[in-house]
Amino acid sequence: MTGRLETVYARLETVSMRLVIKPSLFIDIYLNVPNSRFDFSLIEGGKRIFGYDNLKSWHYHPLSNPEEHIECDSPSLKHIVRETASVIIAYRRRSKMRTKSPDKKRR
């Protein structure tokens, strides 16, 4: 995965960063130390398509239904990064399959 890392904003105990994969596909990362709030969201076209966060309790938003909250144990950063990379690969494959047009038969 290649991209550029942008700091959206940073304060002493709060940071919001964005890992841009392409202009319409990026990972937003939010950390608020005083309230232990973490948020990792894969965004495509302005909408979350996958993510992890701990608002109220740790949960994730699956690619199949990003509005759903599935409770989970506190994930390691390594787990979040690996799973997000896997989701990006699967999402790109799925997107490529949708954009391919069927071959036209020759007569």
N, C-alpha and C. Protein backbone atom coordinates (compact mmCIF):
# COMPACT_ATOMS: atom_id res chain seq x y z
N MET A 1 0.85 -1.16 0.00
CA MET A 1 0.00 0.00 0.00
C MET A 1 0.90 1.23 0.00
N THR A 2 0.69 2.12 -0.93
CA THR A 2 1.46 3.35 -0.97
C THR A 2 0.50 4.51 -0.81
N GLY A 3 1.01 5.62 -0.40
CA GLY A 3 0.18 6.80 -0.23
C GLY A 3 0.96 7.88 0.48
N ARG A 4 0.25 8.90 0.84
CA ARG A 4 0.90 9.99 1.59
C ARG A 4 0.13 10.20 2.88
N LEU A 5 0.83 10.58 3.92
CA LEU A 5 0.25 10.81 5.22
C LEU A 5 0.08 12.31 5.42
N GLU A 6 -1.14 12.73 5.76
CA GLU A 6 -1.44 14.14 6.00
C GLU A 6 -1.88 14.31 7.45
N THR A 7 -1.47 15.39 8.05
CA THR A 7 -1.97 15.75 9.36
C THR A 7 -3.17 16.66 9.15
N VAL A 8 -4.34 16.20 9.53
CA VAL A 8 -5.55 17.01 9.39
C VAL A 8 -5.53 18.09 10.47
N TYR A 9 -5.29 17.69 11.71
CA TYR A 9 -4.99 18.63 12.79
C TYR A 9 -4.29 17.89 13.91
N ALA A 10 -3.53 18.66 14.68
CA ALA A 10 -2.81 18.08 15.81
C ALA A 10 -2.77 19.09 16.94
N ARG A 11 -3.08 18.61 18.12
CA ARG A 11 -2.97 19.39 19.34
C ARG A 11 -2.15 18.56 20.30
N LEU A 12 -1.93 19.05 21.47
CA LEU A 12 -1.08 18.37 22.43
C LEU A 12 -1.51 16.93 22.69
N GLU A 13 -2.81 16.68 22.87
CA GLU A 13 -3.28 15.33 23.20
C GLU A 13 -4.30 14.78 22.21
N THR A 14 -4.46 15.43 21.07
CA THR A 14 -5.43 15.00 20.06
C THR A 14 -4.79 15.13 18.68
N VAL A 15 -5.00 14.11 17.85
CA VAL A 15 -4.46 14.16 16.50
C VAL A 15 -5.44 13.50 15.52
N SER A 16 -5.52 14.07 14.35
CA SER A 16 -6.31 13.50 13.27
C SER A 16 -5.41 13.46 12.04
N MET A 17 -5.23 12.25 11.51
CA MET A 17 -4.35 12.08 10.36
C MET A 17 -5.09 11.35 9.25
N ARG A 18 -4.59 11.48 8.04
CA ARG A 18 -5.20 10.84 6.89
C ARG A 18 -4.11 10.20 6.04
N LEU A 19 -4.26 8.90 5.79
CA LEU A 19 -3.38 8.19 4.88
C LEU A 19 -4.11 8.10 3.54
N VAL A 20 -3.66 8.89 2.58
CA VAL A 20 -4.31 8.97 1.28
C VAL A 20 -3.76 7.87 0.38
N ILE A 21 -4.65 7.00 -0.06
CA ILE A 21 -4.28 5.91 -0.97
C ILE A 21 -4.47 6.41 -2.39
N LYS A 22 -5.58 7.05 -2.64
CA LYS A 22 -5.86 7.79 -3.86
C LYS A 22 -6.87 8.87 -3.45
N PRO A 23 -7.10 9.89 -4.26
CA PRO A 23 -7.94 11.00 -3.80
C PRO A 23 -9.30 10.58 -3.22
N SER A 24 -9.90 9.56 -3.75
CA SER A 24 -11.23 9.16 -3.27
C SER A 24 -11.19 8.01 -2.26
N LEU A 25 -9.99 7.51 -1.92
CA LEU A 25 -9.85 6.38 -1.00
C LEU A 25 -8.73 6.69 -0.01
N PHE A 26 -9.10 6.76 1.28
CA PHE A 26 -8.11 7.08 2.30
C PHE A 26 -8.53 6.50 3.65
N ILE A 27 -7.56 6.49 4.58
CA ILE A 27 -7.81 6.03 5.93
C ILE A 27 -7.71 7.24 6.85
N ASP A 28 -8.79 7.51 7.59
CA ASP A 28 -8.78 8.56 8.60
C ASP A 28 -8.44 7.92 9.94
N ILE A 29 -7.52 8.54 10.66
CA ILE A 29 -7.08 8.05 11.96
C ILE A 29 -7.26 9.18 12.96
N TYR A 30 -7.98 8.89 14.04
CA TYR A 30 -8.23 9.91 15.07
C TYR A 30 -7.83 9.35 16.42
N LEU A 31 -7.16 10.15 17.22
CA LEU A 31 -6.73 9.76 18.57
C LEU A 31 -6.96 10.93 19.51
N ASN A 32 -7.69 10.66 20.60
CA ASN A 32 -7.91 11.65 21.64
C ASN A 32 -7.44 11.01 22.95
N VAL A 33 -6.26 11.41 23.42
CA VAL A 33 -5.65 10.78 24.59
C VAL A 33 -6.47 10.99 25.87
N PRO A 34 -6.95 12.21 26.19
CA PRO A 34 -7.66 12.40 27.46
C PRO A 34 -8.87 11.48 27.66
N ASN A 35 -9.60 11.18 26.59
CA ASN A 35 -10.76 10.29 26.76
C ASN A 35 -10.55 8.91 26.14
N SER A 36 -9.31 8.60 25.76
CA SER A 36 -8.94 7.29 25.19
C SER A 36 -9.77 6.92 23.97
N ARG A 37 -10.08 7.89 23.14
CA ARG A 37 -10.90 7.67 21.95
C ARG A 37 -10.00 7.40 20.76
N PHE A 38 -10.29 6.30 20.04
CA PHE A 38 -9.55 5.93 18.84
C PHE A 38 -10.55 5.65 17.72
N ASP A 39 -10.18 6.03 16.52
CA ASP A 39 -11.06 5.81 15.37
C ASP A 39 -10.19 5.59 14.14
N PHE A 40 -10.43 4.47 13.46
CA PHE A 40 -9.73 4.14 12.22
C PHE A 40 -10.80 3.85 11.17
N SER A 41 -10.92 4.72 10.17
CA SER A 41 -11.98 4.57 9.18
C SER A 41 -11.42 4.56 7.76
N LEU A 42 -11.81 3.57 6.98
CA LEU A 42 -11.48 3.52 5.56
C LEU A 42 -12.62 4.24 4.84
N ILE A 43 -12.27 5.31 4.16
CA ILE A 43 -13.26 6.18 3.52
C ILE A 43 -13.12 6.08 2.00
N GLU A 44 -14.24 5.92 1.33
CA GLU A 44 -14.24 5.92 -0.14
C GLU A 44 -15.40 6.79 -0.60
N GLY A 45 -15.10 7.76 -1.45
CA GLY A 45 -16.14 8.65 -1.94
C GLY A 45 -16.87 9.41 -0.84
N GLY A 46 -16.16 9.73 0.23
CA GLY A 46 -16.75 10.49 1.32
C GLY A 46 -17.54 9.68 2.33
N LYS A 47 -17.57 8.36 2.18
CA LYS A 47 -18.32 7.50 3.10
C LYS A 47 -17.42 6.43 3.70
N ARG A 48 -17.65 6.12 4.97
CA ARG A 48 -16.91 5.03 5.61
C ARG A 48 -17.35 3.72 4.99
N ILE A 49 -16.36 2.90 4.58
CA ILE A 49 -16.69 1.58 4.03
C ILE A 49 -16.18 0.46 4.94
N PHE A 50 -15.36 0.82 5.94
CA PHE A 50 -14.83 -0.15 6.90
C PHE A 50 -14.17 0.63 8.02
N GLY A 51 -14.15 0.07 9.21
CA GLY A 51 -13.44 0.76 10.27
C GLY A 51 -13.53 0.10 11.63
N TYR A 52 -12.73 0.63 12.53
CA TYR A 52 -12.72 0.24 13.94
C TYR A 52 -12.79 1.52 14.76
N ASP A 53 -13.52 1.48 15.86
CA ASP A 53 -13.46 2.58 16.82
C ASP A 53 -13.95 2.11 18.18
N ASN A 54 -13.72 2.97 19.17
CA ASN A 54 -14.10 2.59 20.53
C ASN A 54 -15.07 3.57 21.16
N LEU A 55 -15.96 4.14 20.36
CA LEU A 55 -17.01 4.97 20.91
C LEU A 55 -17.94 4.07 21.71
N LYS A 56 -18.05 4.30 22.97
CA LYS A 56 -18.78 3.48 23.95
C LYS A 56 -18.03 2.19 24.25
N SER A 57 -17.72 1.37 23.25
CA SER A 57 -16.92 0.16 23.42
C SER A 57 -16.29 -0.18 22.07
N TRP A 58 -15.28 -1.05 22.09
CA TRP A 58 -14.62 -1.41 20.83
C TRP A 58 -15.59 -2.18 19.93
N HIS A 59 -15.60 -1.78 18.67
CA HIS A 59 -16.42 -2.45 17.66
C HIS A 59 -15.82 -2.14 16.29
N TYR A 60 -16.27 -2.91 15.31
CA TYR A 60 -15.83 -2.62 13.95
C TYR A 60 -17.03 -2.51 13.03
N HIS A 61 -16.78 -1.89 11.89
CA HIS A 61 -17.79 -1.67 10.86
C HIS A 61 -17.35 -2.48 9.64
N PRO A 62 -18.02 -3.60 9.37
CA PRO A 62 -17.57 -4.48 8.28
C PRO A 62 -17.80 -3.88 6.90
N LEU A 63 -16.97 -4.30 5.96
CA LEU A 63 -17.09 -3.84 4.57
C LEU A 63 -18.46 -4.17 4.00
N SER A 64 -19.02 -5.30 4.38
CA SER A 64 -20.32 -5.72 3.85
C SER A 64 -21.48 -4.83 4.31
N ASN A 65 -21.31 -4.16 5.47
CA ASN A 65 -22.35 -3.27 6.00
C ASN A 65 -21.68 -2.29 6.96
N PRO A 66 -21.07 -1.21 6.43
CA PRO A 66 -20.29 -0.31 7.28
C PRO A 66 -21.10 0.44 8.35
N GLU A 67 -22.41 0.44 8.25
CA GLU A 67 -23.23 1.08 9.28
C GLU A 67 -23.40 0.19 10.51
N GLU A 68 -23.12 -1.11 10.34
CA GLU A 68 -23.26 -2.07 11.44
C GLU A 68 -22.13 -1.90 12.45
N HIS A 69 -22.43 -2.15 13.72
CA HIS A 69 -21.43 -2.13 14.79
C HIS A 69 -21.32 -3.55 15.33
N ILE A 70 -20.15 -4.17 15.16
CA ILE A 70 -19.93 -5.52 15.66
C ILE A 70 -18.93 -5.43 16.82
N GLU A 71 -19.40 -5.74 18.02
CA GLU A 71 -18.57 -5.67 19.21
C GLU A 71 -17.34 -6.57 19.07
N CYS A 72 -16.21 -6.12 19.62
CA CYS A 72 -14.98 -6.91 19.58
C CYS A 72 -14.11 -6.53 20.77
N ASP A 73 -13.11 -7.36 21.04
CA ASP A 73 -12.11 -7.03 22.04
C ASP A 73 -11.24 -5.91 21.50
N SER A 74 -10.54 -5.24 22.38
CA SER A 74 -9.64 -4.17 21.97
C SER A 74 -8.59 -4.72 21.00
N PRO A 75 -8.61 -4.27 19.74
CA PRO A 75 -7.65 -4.80 18.77
C PRO A 75 -6.29 -4.10 18.89
N SER A 76 -5.25 -4.80 18.51
CA SER A 76 -3.93 -4.17 18.46
C SER A 76 -3.86 -3.31 17.19
N LEU A 77 -2.98 -2.35 17.21
CA LEU A 77 -2.78 -1.52 16.01
C LEU A 77 -2.35 -2.39 14.83
N LYS A 78 -1.50 -3.39 15.11
CA LYS A 78 -1.05 -4.32 14.08
C LYS A 78 -2.24 -5.03 13.44
N HIS A 79 -3.20 -5.48 14.26
CA HIS A 79 -4.39 -6.16 13.74
C HIS A 79 -5.21 -5.22 12.85
N ILE A 80 -5.42 -3.99 13.30
CA ILE A 80 -6.20 -3.02 12.54
C ILE A 80 -5.54 -2.75 11.19
N VAL A 81 -4.23 -2.53 11.21
CA VAL A 81 -3.50 -2.24 9.95
C VAL A 81 -3.58 -3.42 9.00
N ARG A 82 -3.34 -4.63 9.49
CA ARG A 82 -3.40 -5.81 8.62
C ARG A 82 -4.80 -6.02 8.05
N GLU A 83 -5.81 -5.90 8.90
CA GLU A 83 -7.17 -6.13 8.41
C GLU A 83 -7.59 -5.03 7.43
N THR A 84 -7.22 -3.80 7.70
CA THR A 84 -7.54 -2.71 6.78
C THR A 84 -6.86 -2.92 5.43
N ALA A 85 -5.60 -3.35 5.44
CA ALA A 85 -4.90 -3.64 4.18
C ALA A 85 -5.61 -4.74 3.41
N SER A 86 -6.04 -5.78 4.10
CA SER A 86 -6.78 -6.88 3.45
C SER A 86 -8.09 -6.38 2.85
N VAL A 87 -8.76 -5.50 3.58
CA VAL A 87 -10.03 -4.94 3.09
C VAL A 87 -9.78 -4.09 1.84
N ILE A 88 -8.72 -3.31 1.84
CA ILE A 88 -8.40 -2.48 0.68
C ILE A 88 -8.15 -3.36 -0.54
N ILE A 89 -7.39 -4.44 -0.36
CA ILE A 89 -7.11 -5.35 -1.48
C ILE A 89 -8.42 -5.97 -1.99
N ALA A 90 -9.26 -6.45 -1.08
CA ALA A 90 -10.54 -7.04 -1.47
C ALA A 90 -11.43 -6.00 -2.15
N TYR A 91 -11.45 -4.80 -1.63
CA TYR A 91 -12.28 -3.74 -2.18
C TYR A 91 -11.83 -3.36 -3.58
N ARG A 92 -10.51 -3.28 -3.78
CA ARG A 92 -9.99 -2.95 -5.12
C ARG A 92 -10.34 -4.05 -6.12
N ARG A 93 -10.22 -5.31 -5.70
CA ARG A 93 -10.59 -6.42 -6.59
C ARG A 93 -12.05 -6.33 -6.97
N ARG A 94 -12.89 -6.09 -5.97
CA ARG A 94 -14.33 -6.00 -6.20
C ARG A 94 -14.66 -4.82 -7.12
N SER A 95 -13.97 -3.70 -6.91
CA SER A 95 -14.19 -2.51 -7.74
C SER A 95 -13.77 -2.76 -9.18
N LYS A 96 -12.64 -3.46 -9.37
CA LYS A 96 -12.17 -3.77 -10.72
C LYS A 96 -13.16 -4.68 -11.44
N MET A 97 -13.72 -5.64 -10.70
CA MET A 97 -14.68 -6.56 -11.30
C MET A 97 -15.92 -5.81 -11.78
N ARG A 98 -16.34 -4.79 -11.04
CA ARG A 98 -17.52 -4.01 -11.41
C ARG A 98 -17.26 -3.14 -12.63
N THR A 99 -16.01 -2.69 -12.82
CA THR A 99 -15.71 -1.77 -13.92
C THR A 99 -15.38 -2.49 -15.22
N LYS A 100 -15.10 -3.79 -15.15
CA LYS A 100 -14.81 -4.53 -16.37
C LYS A 100 -16.10 -4.75 -17.15
N SER A 101 -16.03 -4.47 -18.44
CA SER A 101 -17.22 -4.71 -19.27
C SER A 101 -17.09 -6.08 -19.92
N PRO A 102 -18.19 -6.76 -20.14
CA PRO A 102 -18.13 -8.08 -20.77
C PRO A 102 -17.64 -7.99 -22.21
N ASP A 103 -16.92 -9.01 -22.65
CA ASP A 103 -16.44 -9.02 -24.03
C ASP A 103 -17.62 -9.15 -24.97
N LYS A 104 -17.53 -8.41 -26.06
CA LYS A 104 -18.57 -8.51 -27.08
C LYS A 104 -18.20 -9.63 -28.04
N LYS A 105 -19.17 -10.43 -28.39
CA LYS A 105 -18.91 -11.52 -29.34
C LYS A 105 -18.81 -10.97 -30.74
N ARG A 106 -17.86 -11.51 -31.49
CA ARG A 106 -17.71 -11.11 -32.90
C ARG A 106 -18.57 -12.01 -33.75
N ARG A 107 -19.10 -11.45 -34.80
CA ARG A 107 -19.91 -12.26 -35.74
C ARG A 107 -19.19 -12.45 -37.02
